[in-house]
Amino acid sequence: MPVSPSPARSSPRSRLVRVRARSAEYDIKRRQLLGRIAIRFKQPDRPSLRELAVAAEVSVPTLRHYFGDREGVVAAVLADAHARGAPFLALAARPDGPLPHSLRIGLTQIVQGHLFAVGGFHAIGLTEGLLHRTIGPHYLQTILEPALQAFELRLQAHIDLGDLKPVNVRHAALGLVAPVVLFMLHQGELGGHRVRPGGPAELVDYLVDAFVAAFGVTA
């Protein structure tokens, strides 16, 4: 009786290709869901997991498959915002010319990052994260801290260049970045442009002029 041939076994290389293809498909689908979910989060209520699934046009079990629970959804949305804001933070971290010019450029990158990447996600992080034991720290680590740490690098570079006095870069970054973030939230997500119209340029000039007068090194 002839022996049936054994089924061909796939090579390790072919299995790796299939795993990578599945992983790529998973990542693409996950990013698509995040885009729809982020839009829903920017509405003024706090959506349930079921409402997020409706916004993403999938079932609740599908949403759980990609993100776990509701907390996992929030964490993923904030992490995605961090990734999109990374190019702005890279620019905010690098010194650019003399100290006054460089600080203006750095704070302008914070403004641009708010407008085009993370502004609405500050609102999500604060709404979801205040008094929450895990989402609050996650918001700090993915949205707020990266901006502060990027500016700390810029300040330290100017100390090393010799045009900035040795200051506590953490405190200095807080003193420069925090007012800008608060202003952007005030004018944007909180609707302050209807109460006190104005842009961030004058605030940036005020902060930079005061900081350079106090801590700049004159030739």
C-alpha atoms as a PDB file:
ATOM      1  CA  MET A   1       0.000   0.000   0.000  1.00  0.00           C
ATOM      2  CA  PRO A   2       1.543   3.307  -1.020  1.00  0.00           C
ATOM      3  CA  VAL A   3       2.342   5.662   1.766  1.00  0.00           C
ATOM      4  CA  SER A   4       0.677   9.041   1.544  1.00  0.00           C
ATOM      5  CA  PRO A   5       3.185  11.846   1.413  1.00  0.00           C
ATOM      6  CA  SER A   6       3.519  13.845   4.598  1.00  0.00           C
ATOM      7  CA  PRO A   7       2.036  17.338   4.450  1.00  0.00           C
ATOM      8  CA  ALA A   8       4.665  19.862   3.638  1.00  0.00           C
ATOM      9  CA  ARG A   9       5.823  21.761   6.645  1.00  0.00           C
ATOM     10  CA  SER A  10       6.224  25.478   6.301  1.00  0.00           C
ATOM     11  CA  SER A  11       9.695  26.823   6.830  1.00  0.00           C
ATOM     12  CA  PRO A  12      10.478  29.088   9.801  1.00  0.00           C
ATOM     13  CA  ARG A  13      10.927  31.920   7.307  1.00  0.00           C
ATOM     14  CA  SER A  14       7.430  31.478   5.837  1.00  0.00           C
ATOM     15  CA  ARG A  15       5.883  31.331   9.298  1.00  0.00           C
ATOM     16  CA  LEU A  16       7.704  34.559  10.219  1.00  0.00           C
ATOM     17  CA  VAL A  17       6.367  36.260   7.092  1.00  0.00           C
ATOM     18  CA  ARG A  18       2.797  35.257   7.991  1.00  0.00           C
ATOM     19  CA  VAL A  19       3.213  36.484  11.580  1.00  0.00           C
ATOM     20  CA  ARG A  20       4.563  39.806  10.361  1.00  0.00           C
ATOM     21  CA  ALA A  21       1.701  40.154   7.869  1.00  0.00           C
ATOM     22  CA  ARG A  22      -0.866  39.484  10.599  1.00  0.00           C
ATOM     23  CA  SER A  23       0.903  41.955  12.885  1.00  0.00           C
ATOM     24  CA  ALA A  24       0.877  44.637  10.183  1.00  0.00           C
ATOM     25  CA  GLU A  25      -2.833  44.077   9.530  1.00  0.00           C
ATOM     26  CA  TYR A  26      -3.524  44.240  13.269  1.00  0.00           C
ATOM     27  CA  ASP A  27      -1.618  47.527  13.618  1.00  0.00           C
ATOM     28  CA  ILE A  28      -3.387  49.081  10.627  1.00  0.00           C
ATOM     29  CA  LYS A  29      -6.805  48.118  11.958  1.00  0.00           C
ATOM     30  CA  ARG A  30      -5.908  49.373  15.424  1.00  0.00           C
ATOM     31  CA  ARG A  31      -4.819  52.761  14.059  1.00  0.00           C
ATOM     32  CA  GLN A  32      -8.043  53.037  12.072  1.00  0.00           C
ATOM     33  CA  LEU A  33     -10.076  52.384  15.211  1.00  0.00           C
ATOM     34  CA  LEU A  34      -8.034  54.912  17.184  1.00  0.00           C
ATOM     35  CA  GLY A  35      -8.797  57.628  14.647  1.00  0.00           C
ATOM     36  CA  ARG A  36     -12.551  57.111  15.013  1.00  0.00           C
ATOM     37  CA  ILE A  37     -12.366  56.762  18.792  1.00  0.00           C
ATOM     38  CA  ALA A  38     -10.331  59.959  19.224  1.00  0.00           C
ATOM     39  CA  ILE A  39     -13.034  61.955  17.429  1.00  0.00           C
ATOM     40  CA  ARG A  40     -15.664  60.550  19.800  1.00  0.00           C
ATOM     41  CA  PHE A  41     -13.581  61.424  22.861  1.00  0.00           C
ATOM     42  CA  LYS A  42     -13.479  65.063  21.792  1.00  0.00           C
ATOM     43  CA  GLN A  43     -17.221  65.392  22.347  1.00  0.00           C
ATOM     44  CA  PRO A  44     -18.177  66.977  25.686  1.00  0.00           C
ATOM     45  CA  ASP A  45     -19.343  63.825  27.495  1.00  0.00           C
ATOM     46  CA  ARG A  46     -17.464  60.778  28.775  1.00  0.00           C
ATOM     47  CA  PRO A  47     -18.417  57.932  26.412  1.00  0.00           C
ATOM     48  CA  SER A  48     -18.910  54.394  27.636  1.00  0.00           C
ATOM     49  CA  LEU A  49     -17.094  51.449  26.067  1.00  0.00           C
ATOM     50  CA  ARG A  50     -20.246  50.625  24.098  1.00  0.00           C
ATOM     51  CA  GLU A  51     -20.483  54.193  22.797  1.00  0.00           C
ATOM     52  CA  LEU A  52     -16.823  54.051  21.784  1.00  0.00           C
ATOM     53  CA  ALA A  53     -17.484  50.802  19.927  1.00  0.00           C
ATOM     54  CA  VAL A  54     -20.373  52.458  18.075  1.00  0.00           C
ATOM     55  CA  ALA A  55     -18.123  55.381  17.139  1.00  0.00           C
ATOM     56  CA  ALA A  56     -15.456  52.950  15.916  1.00  0.00           C
ATOM     57  CA  GLU A  57     -18.111  50.994  13.965  1.00  0.00           C
ATOM     58  CA  VAL A  58     -17.212  47.691  15.624  1.00  0.00           C
ATOM     59  CA  SER A  59     -18.640  45.478  18.340  1.00  0.00           C
ATOM     60  CA  VAL A  60     -17.637  45.763  21.983  1.00  0.00           C
ATOM     61  CA  PRO A  61     -15.818  42.374  21.821  1.00  0.00           C
ATOM     62  CA  THR A  62     -13.806  43.660  18.835  1.00  0.00           C
ATOM     63  CA  LEU A  63     -12.883  46.795  20.742  1.00  0.00           C
ATOM     64  CA  ARG A  64     -11.811  44.662  23.695  1.00  0.00           C
ATOM     65  CA  HIS A  65      -9.725  42.516  21.358  1.00  0.00           C
ATOM     66  CA  TYR A  66      -7.681  45.530  20.273  1.00  0.00           C
ATOM     67  CA  PHE A  67      -7.564  47.553  23.497  1.00  0.00           C
ATOM     68  CA  GLY A  68      -8.774  45.517  26.455  1.00  0.00           C
ATOM     69  CA  ASP A  69     -11.040  47.566  28.716  1.00  0.00           C
ATOM     70  CA  ARG A  70     -12.120  51.218  28.544  1.00  0.00           C
ATOM     71  CA  GLU A  71      -8.992  52.279  30.410  1.00  0.00           C
ATOM     72  CA  GLY A  72      -6.930  50.557  27.739  1.00  0.00           C
ATOM     73  CA  VAL A  73      -8.769  52.532  25.065  1.00  0.00           C
ATOM     74  CA  VAL A  74      -7.942  55.834  26.780  1.00  0.00           C
ATOM     75  CA  ALA A  75      -4.303  54.831  27.223  1.00  0.00           C
ATOM     76  CA  ALA A  76      -4.042  53.877  23.542  1.00  0.00           C
ATOM     77  CA  VAL A  77      -5.566  57.169  22.414  1.00  0.00           C
ATOM     78  CA  LEU A  78      -3.069  59.145  24.508  1.00  0.00           C
ATOM     79  CA  ALA A  79      -0.146  57.031  23.329  1.00  0.00           C
ATOM     80  CA  ASP A  80      -1.183  57.617  19.715  1.00  0.00           C
ATOM     81  CA  ALA A  81      -1.310  61.369  20.364  1.00  0.00           C
ATOM     82  CA  HIS A  82       2.192  61.184  21.845  1.00  0.00           C
ATOM     83  CA  ALA A  83       3.465  59.498  18.686  1.00  0.00           C
ATOM     84  CA  ARG A  84       1.929  62.190  16.484  1.00  0.00           C
ATOM     85  CA  GLY A  85       3.333  64.947  18.664  1.00  0.00           C
ATOM     86  CA  ALA A  86       6.859  63.492  18.663  1.00  0.00           C
ATOM     87  CA  PRO A  87       8.117  65.522  15.648  1.00  0.00           C
ATOM     88  CA  PHE A  88       7.107  68.776  17.367  1.00  0.00           C
ATOM     89  CA  LEU A  89       8.837  67.692  20.576  1.00  0.00           C
ATOM     90  CA  ALA A  90      12.014  66.814  18.688  1.00  0.00           C
ATOM     91  CA  LEU A  91      12.093  70.357  17.331  1.00  0.00           C
ATOM     92  CA  ALA A  92      11.265  71.814  20.759  1.00  0.00           C
ATOM     93  CA  ALA A  93      14.267  70.028  22.273  1.00  0.00           C
ATOM     94  CA  ARG A  94      16.949  71.408  19.949  1.00  0.00           C
ATOM     95  CA  PRO A  95      18.562  74.824  20.506  1.00  0.00           C
ATOM     96  CA  ASP A  96      18.234  77.163  17.543  1.00  0.00           C
ATOM     97  CA  GLY A  97      20.372  80.293  17.460  1.00  0.00           C
ATOM     98  CA  PRO A  98      20.791  82.885  20.227  1.00  0.00           C
ATOM     99  CA  LEU A  99      18.900  82.306  23.470  1.00  0.00           C
ATOM    100  CA  PRO A 100      15.945  84.712  22.939  1.00  0.00           C
ATOM    101  CA  HIS A 101      15.324  83.469  19.395  1.00  0.00           C
ATOM    102  CA  SER A 102      15.748  79.846  20.461  1.00  0.00           C
ATOM    103  CA  LEU A 103      13.272  80.109  23.323  1.00  0.00           C
ATOM    104  CA  ARG A 104      10.679  81.710  21.033  1.00  0.00           C
ATOM    105  CA  ILE A 105      11.152  78.931  18.485  1.00  0.00           C
ATOM    106  CA  GLY A 106      10.877  76.270  21.204  1.00  0.00           C
ATOM    107  CA  LEU A 107       7.682  77.685  22.678  1.00  0.00           C
ATOM    108  CA  THR A 108       6.259  78.109  19.182  1.00  0.00           C
ATOM    109  CA  GLN A 109       6.813  74.377  18.657  1.00  0.00           C
ATOM    110  CA  ILE A 110       4.814  73.743  21.835  1.00  0.00           C
ATOM    111  CA  VAL A 111       2.012  75.899  20.386  1.00  0.00           C
ATOM    112  CA  GLN A 112       2.157  74.122  17.025  1.00  0.00           C
ATOM    113  CA  GLY A 113       2.176  70.721  18.699  1.00  0.00           C
ATOM    114  CA  HIS A 114      -0.914  71.730  20.662  1.00  0.00           C
ATOM    115  CA  LEU A 115      -2.728  72.946  17.561  1.00  0.00           C
ATOM    116  CA  PHE A 116      -1.869  70.063  15.255  1.00  0.00           C
ATOM    117  CA  ALA A 117      -1.245  67.051  17.491  1.00  0.00           C
ATOM    118  CA  VAL A 118      -2.032  66.990  21.210  1.00  0.00           C
ATOM    119  CA  GLY A 119      -4.343  69.881  22.112  1.00  0.00           C
ATOM    120  CA  GLY A 120      -7.556  67.903  22.351  1.00  0.00           C
ATOM    121  CA  PHE A 121      -5.682  65.124  24.101  1.00  0.00           C
ATOM    122  CA  HIS A 122      -4.720  67.422  26.961  1.00  0.00           C
ATOM    123  CA  ALA A 123      -8.463  67.778  27.460  1.00  0.00           C
ATOM    124  CA  ILE A 124      -8.986  64.007  27.283  1.00  0.00           C
ATOM    125  CA  GLY A 125      -6.113  63.375  29.679  1.00  0.00           C
ATOM    126  CA  LEU A 126      -7.374  65.895  32.213  1.00  0.00           C
ATOM    127  CA  THR A 127     -11.007  64.797  31.937  1.00  0.00           C
ATOM    128  CA  GLU A 128     -10.185  61.119  32.250  1.00  0.00           C
ATOM    129  CA  GLY A 129      -7.053  61.349  34.361  1.00  0.00           C
ATOM    130  CA  LEU A 130      -7.773  63.696  37.259  1.00  0.00           C
ATOM    131  CA  LEU A 131      -7.933  61.577  40.427  1.00  0.00           C
ATOM    132  CA  HIS A 132      -7.599  58.358  38.380  1.00  0.00           C
ATOM    133  CA  ARG A 133      -4.793  56.167  39.695  1.00  0.00           C
ATOM    134  CA  THR A 134      -3.551  54.948  36.283  1.00  0.00           C
ATOM    135  CA  ILE A 135      -4.908  57.221  33.544  1.00  0.00           C
ATOM    136  CA  GLY A 136      -3.620  60.345  35.292  1.00  0.00           C
ATOM    137  CA  PRO A 137      -0.024  59.098  35.380  1.00  0.00           C
ATOM    138  CA  HIS A 138      -0.381  57.807  31.822  1.00  0.00           C
ATOM    139  CA  TYR A 139      -1.455  61.273  30.642  1.00  0.00           C
ATOM    140  CA  LEU A 140       1.562  62.774  32.383  1.00  0.00           C
ATOM    141  CA  GLN A 141       3.934  60.256  30.801  1.00  0.00           C
ATOM    142  CA  THR A 142       2.588  60.490  27.244  1.00  0.00           C
ATOM    143  CA  ILE A 143       1.462  64.111  26.826  1.00  0.00           C
ATOM    144  CA  LEU A 144       2.607  66.546  29.519  1.00  0.00           C
ATOM    145  CA  GLU A 145       5.987  65.216  30.645  1.00  0.00           C
ATOM    146  CA  PRO A 146       7.402  64.786  27.116  1.00  0.00           C
ATOM    147  CA  ALA A 147       6.785  68.481  26.409  1.00  0.00           C
ATOM    148  CA  LEU A 148       8.470  69.520  29.637  1.00  0.00           C
ATOM    149  CA  GLN A 149      11.409  67.175  29.133  1.00  0.00           C
ATOM    150  CA  ALA A 150      11.917  68.349  25.549  1.00  0.00           C
ATOM    151  CA  PHE A 151      12.184  71.933  26.755  1.00  0.00           C
ATOM    152  CA  GLU A 152      14.527  70.908  29.548  1.00  0.00           C
ATOM    153  CA  LEU A 153      16.888  69.575  26.867  1.00  0.00           C
ATOM    154  CA  ARG A 154      16.767  72.897  24.997  1.00  0.00           C
ATOM    155  CA  LEU A 155      17.513  74.827  28.175  1.00  0.00           C
ATOM    156  CA  GLN A 156      20.365  72.523  29.152  1.00  0.00           C
ATOM    157  CA  ALA A 157      21.878  72.942  25.699  1.00  0.00           C
ATOM    158  CA  HIS A 158      21.955  76.715  26.198  1.00  0.00           C
ATOM    159  CA  ILE A 159      23.557  76.314  29.612  1.00  0.00           C
ATOM    160  CA  ASP A 160      26.229  74.191  27.937  1.00  0.00           C
ATOM    161  CA  LEU A 161      26.649  76.837  25.224  1.00  0.00           C
ATOM    162  CA  GLY A 162      27.208  79.472  27.902  1.00  0.00           C
ATOM    163  CA  ASP A 163      24.396  81.911  27.044  1.00  0.00           C
ATOM    164  CA  LEU A 164      22.120  80.773  29.881  1.00  0.00           C
ATOM    165  CA  LYS A 165      22.996  80.851  33.575  1.00  0.00           C
ATOM    166  CA  PRO A 166      23.006  77.483  35.368  1.00  0.00           C
ATOM    167  CA  VAL A 167      19.331  77.211  36.315  1.00  0.00           C
ATOM    168  CA  ASN A 168      17.160  74.345  37.472  1.00  0.00           C
ATOM    169  CA  VAL A 169      16.001  73.268  34.013  1.00  0.00           C
ATOM    170  CA  ARG A 170      12.989  71.438  35.435  1.00  0.00           C
ATOM    171  CA  HIS A 171      11.652  74.545  37.155  1.00  0.00           C
ATOM    172  CA  ALA A 172      12.539  76.739  34.200  1.00  0.00           C
ATOM    173  CA  ALA A 173      10.739  74.443  31.756  1.00  0.00           C
ATOM    174  CA  LEU A 174       7.651  74.449  33.964  1.00  0.00           C
ATOM    175  CA  GLY A 175       7.772  78.239  34.172  1.00  0.00           C
ATOM    176  CA  LEU A 176       7.935  78.599  30.393  1.00  0.00           C
ATOM    177  CA  VAL A 177       5.850  75.705  29.046  1.00  0.00           C
ATOM    178  CA  ALA A 178       3.021  75.527  31.606  1.00  0.00           C
ATOM    179  CA  PRO A 179       1.675  79.048  30.916  1.00  0.00           C
ATOM    180  CA  VAL A 180       1.653  78.315  27.180  1.00  0.00           C
ATOM    181  CA  VAL A 181      -0.228  75.032  27.620  1.00  0.00           C
ATOM    182  CA  LEU A 182      -2.723  76.695  29.963  1.00  0.00           C
ATOM    183  CA  PHE A 183      -3.197  79.568  27.503  1.00  0.00           C
ATOM    184  CA  MET A 184      -3.844  77.169  24.628  1.00  0.00           C
ATOM    185  CA  LEU A 185      -6.390  75.223  26.683  1.00  0.00           C
ATOM    186  CA  HIS A 186      -7.989  78.477  27.792  1.00  0.00           C
ATOM    187  CA  GLN A 187      -8.320  79.837  24.273  1.00  0.00           C
ATOM    188  CA  GLY A 188      -9.148  76.540  22.579  1.00  0.00           C
ATOM    189  CA  GLU A 189     -10.711  73.627  24.431  1.00  0.00           C
ATOM    190  CA  LEU A 190     -12.205  75.864  27.151  1.00  0.00           C
ATOM    191  CA  GLY A 191     -13.593  78.391  24.671  1.00  0.00           C
ATOM    192  CA  GLY A 192     -11.673  81.359  26.035  1.00  0.00           C
ATOM    193  CA  HIS A 193     -11.258  82.914  22.591  1.00  0.00           C
ATOM    194  CA  ARG A 194     -14.868  84.037  22.902  1.00  0.00           C
ATOM    195  CA  VAL A 195     -14.196  85.710  26.273  1.00  0.00           C
ATOM    196  CA  ARG A 196     -10.697  87.146  25.818  1.00  0.00           C
ATOM    197  CA  PRO A 197      -9.676  86.984  22.146  1.00  0.00           C
ATOM    198  CA  GLY A 198      -5.962  86.767  21.451  1.00  0.00           C
ATOM    199  CA  GLY A 199      -3.151  84.576  20.224  1.00  0.00           C
ATOM    200  CA  PRO A 200      -0.138  83.055  21.966  1.00  0.00           C
ATOM    201  CA  ALA A 201       2.557  85.226  20.358  1.00  0.00           C
ATOM    202  CA  GLU A 202       2.332  88.041  22.910  1.00  0.00           C
ATOM    203  CA  LEU A 203       2.470  85.568  25.799  1.00  0.00           C
ATOM    204  CA  VAL A 204       5.516  83.868  24.283  1.00  0.00           C
ATOM    205  CA  ASP A 205       7.273  87.242  23.910  1.00  0.00           C
ATOM    206  CA  TYR A 206       6.453  88.181  27.517  1.00  0.00           C
ATOM    207  CA  LEU A 207       7.743  84.875  28.913  1.00  0.00           C
ATOM    208  CA  VAL A 208      10.915  84.909  26.835  1.00  0.00           C
ATOM    209  CA  ASP A 209      11.761  88.556  27.566  1.00  0.00           C
ATOM    210  CA  ALA A 210      11.316  88.070  31.330  1.00  0.00           C
ATOM    211  CA  PHE A 211      13.280  84.799  31.356  1.00  0.00           C
ATOM    212  CA  VAL A 212      16.188  86.149  29.299  1.00  0.00           C
ATOM    213  CA  ALA A 213      16.373  89.301  31.437  1.00  0.00           C
ATOM    214  CA  ALA A 214      16.594  87.157  34.569  1.00  0.00           C
ATOM    215  CA  PHE A 215      18.822  84.298  33.429  1.00  0.00           C
ATOM    216  CA  GLY A 216      20.469  85.188  30.116  1.00  0.00           C
ATOM    217  CA  VAL A 217      24.228  85.667  29.975  1.00  0.00           C
ATOM    218  CA  THR A 218      25.218  88.944  28.363  1.00  0.00           C
ATOM    219  CA  ALA A 219      28.346  89.064  26.249  1.00  0.00           C
END
